Amino acid sequence: MHSKDPRILHLPGIVMQAFNGSAAFILETTLSERSIQESRSLMLAPHGQSLKTSTGAARFAELSEIASKYGIPAAVLDRFKIWAAASILSQPPQPRHKQSTQLTLLDRELEKTARARGKPVFALEKVVEQLGLFDNLPRKVQLELLDQAIKEFPNLDYELEKLTAHYIAGRTGWIFCEMEESLKSLSPELNDFMTYQLIIQRNHTMAARMLPELAKNSTFVAIGALHLPGTEGVLALLEQNGYKIRKRF
């Protein structure tokens, strides 16, 4: 999971053994300072455009109240693209005494460790590819995505706790089922985006780009849990290419 939860960050010994013994490291996209800066610039609307104007005053006021919990002033929020504003709400806000400290993600820590040890690091996607999917969404779908994020915000801690429990228990299939259930109330357009474009289509891209690297070395791969299960999940796609899948943890 792309998570800051300490329970996710502390990998089990058998997983760390696999990482330590690998000759190379693969992740979804590099989390270098350069790519982080690139992602931030892609999330900002062109000069002169206003999120308040794009979303309407009432919606923007509701969003501003939530964004303040993340330490984001309304003036800064107003520069975001619609989909980028929705993405802010994907993780719960940190307590104020922690907002100034540097937070980390499992992906980033593994990448830093791999580079420090001299392991080759290969990113399956570029930041512009990932965020470009959101950028290409029609405005009405972006607004629906934002409305859904605002609607779900009060229950965000509870929902993330459920997903974290599934992840820790190794129930990645359940995480996918939870996502499918949550999409039932969405429009066909947003449902297709969340299921096909964000997950299935990228699964095929990741598997195809992964294969040449897997053939070179003993490789440790870290990708989001939603990309693993299903008949078109990355694990099934690797099986179709001759790999045998065995659960170690």
C-alpha atoms as a PDB file:
ATOM      1  CA  MET A   1       0.000   0.000   0.000  1.00  0.00           C
ATOM      2  CA  HIS A   2       1.090   3.576  -0.699  1.00  0.00           C
ATOM      3  CA  SER A   3       0.770   4.397   2.986  1.00  0.00           C
ATOM      4  CA  LYS A   4       2.416   6.346   5.792  1.00  0.00           C
ATOM      5  CA  ASP A   5       1.006   3.968   8.421  1.00  0.00           C
ATOM      6  CA  PRO A   6       3.873   2.639  10.621  1.00  0.00           C
ATOM      7  CA  ARG A   7       2.313  -0.838  10.450  1.00  0.00           C
ATOM      8  CA  ILE A   8       2.822  -0.757   6.674  1.00  0.00           C
ATOM      9  CA  LEU A   9       6.292   0.793   6.833  1.00  0.00           C
ATOM     10  CA  HIS A  10       7.680  -1.957   9.083  1.00  0.00           C
ATOM     11  CA  LEU A  11       7.978  -4.908   6.717  1.00  0.00           C
ATOM     12  CA  PRO A  12       7.998  -8.493   8.060  1.00  0.00           C
ATOM     13  CA  GLY A  13      11.392 -10.182   8.286  1.00  0.00           C
ATOM     14  CA  ILE A  14      10.738 -12.612   5.425  1.00  0.00           C
ATOM     15  CA  VAL A  15       9.861  -9.697   3.130  1.00  0.00           C
ATOM     16  CA  MET A  16      12.985  -7.770   4.111  1.00  0.00           C
ATOM     17  CA  GLN A  17      15.052 -10.909   3.479  1.00  0.00           C
ATOM     18  CA  ALA A  18      13.695 -10.993  -0.065  1.00  0.00           C
ATOM     19  CA  PHE A  19      14.482  -7.295  -0.501  1.00  0.00           C
ATOM     20  CA  ASN A  20      17.985  -7.650   0.935  1.00  0.00           C
ATOM     21  CA  GLY A  21      18.719 -10.636  -1.295  1.00  0.00           C
ATOM     22  CA  SER A  22      17.484  -9.021  -4.495  1.00  0.00           C
ATOM     23  CA  ALA A  23      19.847  -7.655  -7.124  1.00  0.00           C
ATOM     24  CA  ALA A  24      17.472  -4.941  -8.393  1.00  0.00           C
ATOM     25  CA  PHE A  25      14.391  -2.994  -7.323  1.00  0.00           C
ATOM     26  CA  ILE A  26      11.242  -2.144  -9.308  1.00  0.00           C
ATOM     27  CA  LEU A  27       8.528   0.289  -8.208  1.00  0.00           C
ATOM     28  CA  GLU A  28       5.608   2.078  -9.849  1.00  0.00           C
ATOM     29  CA  THR A  29       7.276   5.456 -10.207  1.00  0.00           C
ATOM     30  CA  THR A  30      10.368   7.022  -8.707  1.00  0.00           C
ATOM     31  CA  LEU A  31       9.771   9.214  -5.674  1.00  0.00           C
ATOM     32  CA  SER A  32      12.854  11.368  -6.142  1.00  0.00           C
ATOM     33  CA  GLU A  33      12.695  15.069  -5.263  1.00  0.00           C
ATOM     34  CA  ARG A  34      12.627  15.859  -8.976  1.00  0.00           C
ATOM     35  CA  SER A  35       9.588  13.665  -9.646  1.00  0.00           C
ATOM     36  CA  ILE A  36       7.826  15.042  -6.563  1.00  0.00           C
ATOM     37  CA  GLN A  37       8.365  18.585  -7.830  1.00  0.00           C
ATOM     38  CA  GLU A  38       7.133  17.503 -11.261  1.00  0.00           C
ATOM     39  CA  SER A  39       3.975  16.009  -9.774  1.00  0.00           C
ATOM     40  CA  ARG A  40       3.294  19.181  -7.803  1.00  0.00           C
ATOM     41  CA  SER A  41       3.566  21.317 -10.929  1.00  0.00           C
ATOM     42  CA  LEU A  42       1.210  18.976 -12.813  1.00  0.00           C
ATOM     43  CA  MET A  43      -1.374  19.359 -10.039  1.00  0.00           C
ATOM     44  CA  LEU A  44      -1.556  23.143 -10.427  1.00  0.00           C
ATOM     45  CA  ALA A  45      -3.963  24.776 -12.872  1.00  0.00           C
ATOM     46  CA  PRO A  46      -2.627  27.120 -15.572  1.00  0.00           C
ATOM     47  CA  HIS A  47      -2.032  30.704 -14.489  1.00  0.00           C
ATOM     48  CA  GLY A  48      -5.273  32.639 -14.281  1.00  0.00           C
ATOM     49  CA  GLN A  49      -7.517  29.629 -13.632  1.00  0.00           C
ATOM     50  CA  SER A  50      -9.284  29.297 -10.287  1.00  0.00           C
ATOM     51  CA  LEU A  51     -10.490  26.152  -8.518  1.00  0.00           C
ATOM     52  CA  LYS A  52     -13.220  28.219  -6.859  1.00  0.00           C
ATOM     53  CA  THR A  53     -14.485  29.288 -10.270  1.00  0.00           C
ATOM     54  CA  SER A  54     -14.217  25.748 -11.661  1.00  0.00           C
ATOM     55  CA  THR A  55     -16.055  24.089  -8.773  1.00  0.00           C
ATOM     56  CA  GLY A  56     -18.470  26.791  -7.610  1.00  0.00           C
ATOM     57  CA  ALA A  57     -18.367  28.857  -4.431  1.00  0.00           C
ATOM     58  CA  ALA A  58     -20.387  26.461  -2.242  1.00  0.00           C
ATOM     59  CA  ARG A  59     -18.337  23.384  -3.143  1.00  0.00           C
ATOM     60  CA  PHE A  60     -15.087  25.329  -2.783  1.00  0.00           C
ATOM     61  CA  ALA A  61     -16.101  26.557   0.684  1.00  0.00           C
ATOM     62  CA  GLU A  62     -16.768  22.986   1.823  1.00  0.00           C
ATOM     63  CA  LEU A  63     -13.484  21.820   0.323  1.00  0.00           C
ATOM     64  CA  SER A  64     -11.564  24.727   1.887  1.00  0.00           C
ATOM     65  CA  GLU A  65     -12.791  23.747   5.334  1.00  0.00           C
ATOM     66  CA  ILE A  66     -11.457  20.220   4.808  1.00  0.00           C
ATOM     67  CA  ALA A  67      -8.199  21.435   3.227  1.00  0.00           C
ATOM     68  CA  SER A  68      -7.505  23.595   6.290  1.00  0.00           C
ATOM     69  CA  LYS A  69      -7.152  20.361   8.281  1.00  0.00           C
ATOM     70  CA  TYR A  70      -4.202  19.538   5.978  1.00  0.00           C
ATOM     71  CA  GLY A  71      -2.671  22.964   6.550  1.00  0.00           C
ATOM     72  CA  ILE A  72      -3.603  24.148   3.041  1.00  0.00           C
ATOM     73  CA  PRO A  73      -4.854  27.768   2.919  1.00  0.00           C
ATOM     74  CA  ALA A  74      -7.751  28.627   0.608  1.00  0.00           C
ATOM     75  CA  ALA A  75      -5.493  30.813  -1.540  1.00  0.00           C
ATOM     76  CA  VAL A  76      -3.166  27.861  -2.210  1.00  0.00           C
ATOM     77  CA  LEU A  77      -6.059  25.453  -2.727  1.00  0.00           C
ATOM     78  CA  ASP A  78      -7.510  27.797  -5.344  1.00  0.00           C
ATOM     79  CA  ARG A  79      -4.538  27.057  -7.620  1.00  0.00           C
ATOM     80  CA  PHE A  80      -5.173  23.294  -7.731  1.00  0.00           C
ATOM     81  CA  LYS A  81      -6.776  21.419 -10.592  1.00  0.00           C
ATOM     82  CA  ILE A  82     -10.085  19.729  -9.741  1.00  0.00           C
ATOM     83  CA  TRP A  83      -8.709  16.171  -9.693  1.00  0.00           C
ATOM     84  CA  ALA A  84      -5.677  17.296  -7.695  1.00  0.00           C
ATOM     85  CA  ALA A  85      -7.915  18.785  -5.015  1.00  0.00           C
ATOM     86  CA  ALA A  86      -9.699  15.433  -4.787  1.00  0.00           C
ATOM     87  CA  SER A  87      -6.380  13.617  -4.395  1.00  0.00           C
ATOM     88  CA  ILE A  88      -5.576  15.617  -1.254  1.00  0.00           C
ATOM     89  CA  LEU A  89      -8.329  13.709   0.518  1.00  0.00           C
ATOM     90  CA  SER A  90      -6.895  10.262  -0.252  1.00  0.00           C
ATOM     91  CA  GLN A  91      -5.017  10.181   3.079  1.00  0.00           C
ATOM     92  CA  PRO A  92      -6.251  11.515   6.434  1.00  0.00           C
ATOM     93  CA  PRO A  93      -4.711  14.776   7.665  1.00  0.00           C
ATOM     94  CA  GLN A  94      -1.848  14.560  10.141  1.00  0.00           C
ATOM     95  CA  PRO A  95      -2.148  16.064  13.630  1.00  0.00           C
ATOM     96  CA  ARG A  96      -0.871  19.645  13.610  1.00  0.00           C
ATOM     97  CA  HIS A  97       2.216  18.809  15.674  1.00  0.00           C
ATOM     98  CA  LYS A  98       3.258  16.337  12.959  1.00  0.00           C
ATOM     99  CA  GLN A  99       2.505  18.476   9.902  1.00  0.00           C
ATOM    100  CA  SER A 100       5.957  20.060   9.939  1.00  0.00           C
ATOM    101  CA  THR A 101       7.805  16.759  10.180  1.00  0.00           C
ATOM    102  CA  GLN A 102       8.823  14.868   7.067  1.00  0.00           C
ATOM    103  CA  LEU A 103       6.414  12.073   6.323  1.00  0.00           C
ATOM    104  CA  THR A 104       7.431   9.088   4.302  1.00  0.00           C
ATOM    105  CA  LEU A 105       5.917   6.284   2.265  1.00  0.00           C
ATOM    106  CA  LEU A 106       6.938   2.653   2.028  1.00  0.00           C
ATOM    107  CA  ASP A 107       7.733   3.111  -1.672  1.00  0.00           C
ATOM    108  CA  ARG A 108      10.084   5.988  -0.920  1.00  0.00           C
ATOM    109  CA  GLU A 109      11.906   4.212   1.897  1.00  0.00           C
ATOM    110  CA  LEU A 110      12.494   1.120  -0.237  1.00  0.00           C
ATOM    111  CA  GLU A 111      13.759   3.238  -3.123  1.00  0.00           C
ATOM    112  CA  LYS A 112      16.129   5.180  -0.852  1.00  0.00           C
ATOM    113  CA  THR A 113      17.464   1.956   0.646  1.00  0.00           C
ATOM    114  CA  ALA A 114      17.900   0.313  -2.765  1.00  0.00           C
ATOM    115  CA  ARG A 115      19.840   3.300  -4.123  1.00  0.00           C
ATOM    116  CA  ALA A 116      21.989   3.504  -0.983  1.00  0.00           C
ATOM    117  CA  ARG A 117      22.946  -0.138  -1.463  1.00  0.00           C
ATOM    118  CA  GLY A 118      23.735   0.323  -5.144  1.00  0.00           C
ATOM    119  CA  LYS A 119      20.815  -1.731  -6.441  1.00  0.00           C
ATOM    120  CA  PRO A 120      19.567  -0.787  -9.932  1.00  0.00           C
ATOM    121  CA  VAL A 121      16.171   0.945  -9.604  1.00  0.00           C
ATOM    122  CA  PHE A 122      13.581   0.717 -12.389  1.00  0.00           C
ATOM    123  CA  ALA A 123      10.331   2.731 -12.456  1.00  0.00           C
ATOM    124  CA  LEU A 124       7.426   1.155 -14.331  1.00  0.00           C
ATOM    125  CA  GLU A 125       5.732   4.489 -15.025  1.00  0.00           C
ATOM    126  CA  LYS A 126       6.567   8.167 -15.269  1.00  0.00           C
ATOM    127  CA  VAL A 127       4.806  10.741 -13.114  1.00  0.00           C
ATOM    128  CA  VAL A 128       3.358  12.407 -16.204  1.00  0.00           C
ATOM    129  CA  GLU A 129       1.809   9.072 -17.249  1.00  0.00           C
ATOM    130  CA  GLN A 130       0.118   8.536 -13.897  1.00  0.00           C
ATOM    131  CA  LEU A 131      -1.180  12.063 -13.429  1.00  0.00           C
ATOM    132  CA  GLY A 132      -1.981  12.414 -17.120  1.00  0.00           C
ATOM    133  CA  LEU A 133      -4.790   9.899 -16.638  1.00  0.00           C
ATOM    134  CA  PHE A 134      -6.495  12.345 -14.267  1.00  0.00           C
ATOM    135  CA  ASP A 135      -5.663  15.355 -16.426  1.00  0.00           C
ATOM    136  CA  ASN A 136      -7.491  13.793 -19.375  1.00  0.00           C
ATOM    137  CA  LEU A 137     -10.723  13.249 -17.437  1.00  0.00           C
ATOM    138  CA  PRO A 138     -13.698  15.337 -18.594  1.00  0.00           C
ATOM    139  CA  ARG A 139     -14.542  18.181 -16.227  1.00  0.00           C
ATOM    140  CA  LYS A 140     -17.846  16.620 -15.128  1.00  0.00           C
ATOM    141  CA  VAL A 141     -16.053  13.389 -14.145  1.00  0.00           C
ATOM    142  CA  GLN A 142     -13.409  15.344 -12.229  1.00  0.00           C
ATOM    143  CA  LEU A 143     -16.183  17.128 -10.337  1.00  0.00           C
ATOM    144  CA  GLU A 144     -17.825  13.795  -9.515  1.00  0.00           C
ATOM    145  CA  LEU A 145     -14.462  12.511  -8.265  1.00  0.00           C
ATOM    146  CA  LEU A 146     -14.133  15.578  -6.042  1.00  0.00           C
ATOM    147  CA  ASP A 147     -17.699  15.290  -4.737  1.00  0.00           C
ATOM    148  CA  GLN A 148     -17.099  11.634  -3.897  1.00  0.00           C
ATOM    149  CA  ALA A 149     -13.899  12.506  -2.010  1.00  0.00           C
ATOM    150  CA  ILE A 150     -15.717  15.199  -0.008  1.00  0.00           C
ATOM    151  CA  LYS A 151     -18.595  12.823   0.738  1.00  0.00           C
ATOM    152  CA  GLU A 152     -16.263  10.053   1.935  1.00  0.00           C
ATOM    153  CA  PHE A 153     -13.971  12.293   3.998  1.00  0.00           C
ATOM    154  CA  PRO A 154     -15.814  11.873   7.346  1.00  0.00           C
ATOM    155  CA  ASN A 155     -15.326   8.084   7.118  1.00  0.00           C
ATOM    156  CA  LEU A 156     -11.794   8.187   5.685  1.00  0.00           C
ATOM    157  CA  ASP A 157     -10.029   6.954   8.831  1.00  0.00           C
ATOM    158  CA  TYR A 158     -12.450   4.047   9.210  1.00  0.00           C
ATOM    159  CA  GLU A 159     -12.178   2.979   5.554  1.00  0.00           C
ATOM    160  CA  LEU A 160      -8.364   3.177   5.546  1.00  0.00           C
ATOM    161  CA  GLU A 161      -8.226   1.146   8.747  1.00  0.00           C
ATOM    162  CA  LYS A 162     -10.288  -1.581   7.048  1.00  0.00           C
ATOM    163  CA  LEU A 163      -7.983  -1.614   4.016  1.00  0.00           C
ATOM    164  CA  THR A 164      -4.889  -1.640   6.227  1.00  0.00           C
ATOM    165  CA  ALA A 165      -6.239  -4.628   8.173  1.00  0.00           C
ATOM    166  CA  HIS A 166      -6.847  -6.505   4.908  1.00  0.00           C
ATOM    167  CA  TYR A 167      -3.341  -5.628   3.693  1.00  0.00           C
ATOM    168  CA  ILE A 168      -1.592  -6.716   6.884  1.00  0.00           C
ATOM    169  CA  ALA A 169      -3.533 -10.001   6.782  1.00  0.00           C
ATOM    170  CA  GLY A 170      -2.518 -10.558   3.138  1.00  0.00           C
ATOM    171  CA  ARG A 171      -6.087 -10.233   1.843  1.00  0.00           C
ATOM    172  CA  THR A 172      -5.334  -8.177  -1.272  1.00  0.00           C
ATOM    173  CA  GLY A 173      -8.343  -9.670  -3.050  1.00  0.00           C
ATOM    174  CA  TRP A 174     -10.590  -8.238  -0.351  1.00  0.00           C
ATOM    175  CA  ILE A 175      -9.129  -4.779  -0.959  1.00  0.00           C
ATOM    176  CA  PHE A 176     -10.149  -5.060  -4.615  1.00  0.00           C
ATOM    177  CA  CYS A 177     -13.637  -6.226  -3.573  1.00  0.00           C
ATOM    178  CA  GLU A 178     -13.979  -3.246  -1.223  1.00  0.00           C
ATOM    179  CA  MET A 179     -13.087  -0.933  -4.101  1.00  0.00           C
ATOM    180  CA  GLU A 180     -15.612  -2.569  -6.451  1.00  0.00           C
ATOM    181  CA  GLU A 181     -18.337  -2.204  -3.821  1.00  0.00           C
ATOM    182  CA  SER A 182     -17.538   1.479  -3.329  1.00  0.00           C
ATOM    183  CA  LEU A 183     -17.806   2.140  -7.082  1.00  0.00           C
ATOM    184  CA  LYS A 184     -21.366   0.870  -7.489  1.00  0.00           C
ATOM    185  CA  SER A 185     -22.918   4.264  -6.817  1.00  0.00           C
ATOM    186  CA  LEU A 186     -20.680   6.107  -9.289  1.00  0.00           C
ATOM    187  CA  SER A 187     -21.423   7.073 -12.879  1.00  0.00           C
ATOM    188  CA  PRO A 188     -20.365   4.594 -15.599  1.00  0.00           C
ATOM    189  CA  GLU A 189     -17.687   7.074 -16.707  1.00  0.00           C
ATOM    190  CA  LEU A 190     -16.034   7.367 -13.295  1.00  0.00           C
ATOM    191  CA  ASN A 191     -16.479   3.652 -12.615  1.00  0.00           C
ATOM    192  CA  ASP A 192     -14.686   2.842 -15.879  1.00  0.00           C
ATOM    193  CA  PHE A 193     -11.890   5.257 -15.016  1.00  0.00           C
ATOM    194  CA  MET A 194     -11.348   3.860 -11.527  1.00  0.00           C
ATOM    195  CA  THR A 195     -11.544   0.212 -12.583  1.00  0.00           C
ATOM    196  CA  TYR A 196     -10.216  -0.017 -16.125  1.00  0.00           C
ATOM    197  CA  GLN A 197      -7.933   2.973 -16.662  1.00  0.00           C
ATOM    198  CA  LEU A 198      -6.441   3.263 -13.168  1.00  0.00           C
ATOM    199  CA  ILE A 199      -6.137  -0.459 -12.434  1.00  0.00           C
ATOM    200  CA  ILE A 200      -6.583  -2.967 -15.274  1.00  0.00           C
ATOM    201  CA  GLN A 201      -4.996  -0.990 -18.103  1.00  0.00           C
ATOM    202  CA  ARG A 202      -2.035  -0.086 -15.915  1.00  0.00           C
ATOM    203  CA  ASN A 203      -1.700  -3.723 -14.799  1.00  0.00           C
ATOM    204  CA  HIS A 204      -0.995  -4.725 -18.393  1.00  0.00           C
ATOM    205  CA  THR A 205       1.461  -1.849 -18.836  1.00  0.00           C
ATOM    206  CA  MET A 206       3.301  -2.683 -15.613  1.00  0.00           C
ATOM    207  CA  ALA A 207       3.541  -6.397 -16.383  1.00  0.00           C
ATOM    208  CA  ALA A 208       4.825  -5.748 -19.911  1.00  0.00           C
ATOM    209  CA  ARG A 209       7.482  -3.304 -18.697  1.00  0.00           C
ATOM    210  CA  MET A 210       8.428  -5.514 -15.782  1.00  0.00           C
ATOM    211  CA  LEU A 211       9.146  -8.669 -17.782  1.00  0.00           C
ATOM    212  CA  PRO A 212      12.458  -7.602 -19.403  1.00  0.00           C
ATOM    213  CA  GLU A 213      13.800  -6.475 -16.024  1.00  0.00           C
ATOM    214  CA  LEU A 214      12.706  -9.668 -14.257  1.00  0.00           C
ATOM    215  CA  ALA A 215      14.608 -11.695 -16.829  1.00  0.00           C
ATOM    216  CA  LYS A 216      17.875  -9.921 -15.950  1.00  0.00           C
ATOM    217  CA  ASN A 217      18.161 -10.306 -12.179  1.00  0.00           C
ATOM    218  CA  SER A 218      16.642 -11.466  -8.941  1.00  0.00           C
ATOM    219  CA  THR A 219      14.311  -8.491  -8.532  1.00  0.00           C
ATOM    220  CA  PHE A 220      12.176  -7.089  -5.706  1.00  0.00           C
ATOM    221  CA  VAL A 221       8.977  -5.448  -6.994  1.00  0.00           C
ATOM    222  CA  ALA A 222       6.831  -3.008  -4.992  1.00  0.00           C
ATOM    223  CA  ILE A 223       3.492  -1.959  -6.503  1.00  0.00           C
ATOM    224  CA  GLY A 224       0.084  -1.027  -5.100  1.00  0.00           C
ATOM    225  CA  ALA A 225      -1.998  -3.836  -3.608  1.00  0.00           C
ATOM    226  CA  LEU A 226      -4.896  -3.192  -6.014  1.00  0.00           C
ATOM    227  CA  HIS A 227      -2.665  -4.212  -8.921  1.00  0.00           C
ATOM    228  CA  LEU A 228      -2.057  -7.733  -7.592  1.00  0.00           C
ATOM    229  CA  PRO A 229      -5.370  -9.703  -7.566  1.00  0.00           C
ATOM    230  CA  GLY A 230      -7.811 -10.716 -10.287  1.00  0.00           C
ATOM    231  CA  THR A 231      -7.670 -12.409 -13.666  1.00  0.00           C
ATOM    232  CA  GLU A 232      -6.078  -9.255 -15.085  1.00  0.00           C
ATOM    233  CA  GLY A 233      -3.962  -8.521 -12.047  1.00  0.00           C
ATOM    234  CA  VAL A 234      -0.185  -8.340 -12.361  1.00  0.00           C
ATOM    235  CA  LEU A 235       0.300 -11.741 -10.705  1.00  0.00           C
ATOM    236  CA  ALA A 236      -2.035 -13.465 -13.184  1.00  0.00           C
ATOM    237  CA  LEU A 237      -0.358 -11.674 -16.092  1.00  0.00           C
ATOM    238  CA  LEU A 238       3.059 -12.867 -14.914  1.00  0.00           C
ATOM    239  CA  GLU A 239       1.710 -16.419 -14.671  1.00  0.00           C
ATOM    240  CA  GLN A 240       0.571 -16.143 -18.279  1.00  0.00           C
ATOM    241  CA  ASN A 241       4.187 -15.382 -19.150  1.00  0.00           C
ATOM    242  CA  GLY A 242       5.537 -18.514 -17.509  1.00  0.00           C
ATOM    243  CA  TYR A 243       6.191 -17.342 -13.959  1.00  0.00           C
ATOM    244  CA  LYS A 244       5.098 -19.420 -10.969  1.00  0.00           C
ATOM    245  CA  ILE A 245       3.446 -17.515  -8.141  1.00  0.00           C
ATOM    246  CA  ARG A 246       4.037 -18.572  -4.542  1.00  0.00           C
ATOM    247  CA  LYS A 247       2.846 -16.720  -1.455  1.00  0.00           C
ATOM    248  CA  ARG A 248       5.652 -16.169   1.050  1.00  0.00           C
ATOM    249  CA  PHE A 249       3.788 -14.034   3.576  1.00  0.00           C
END
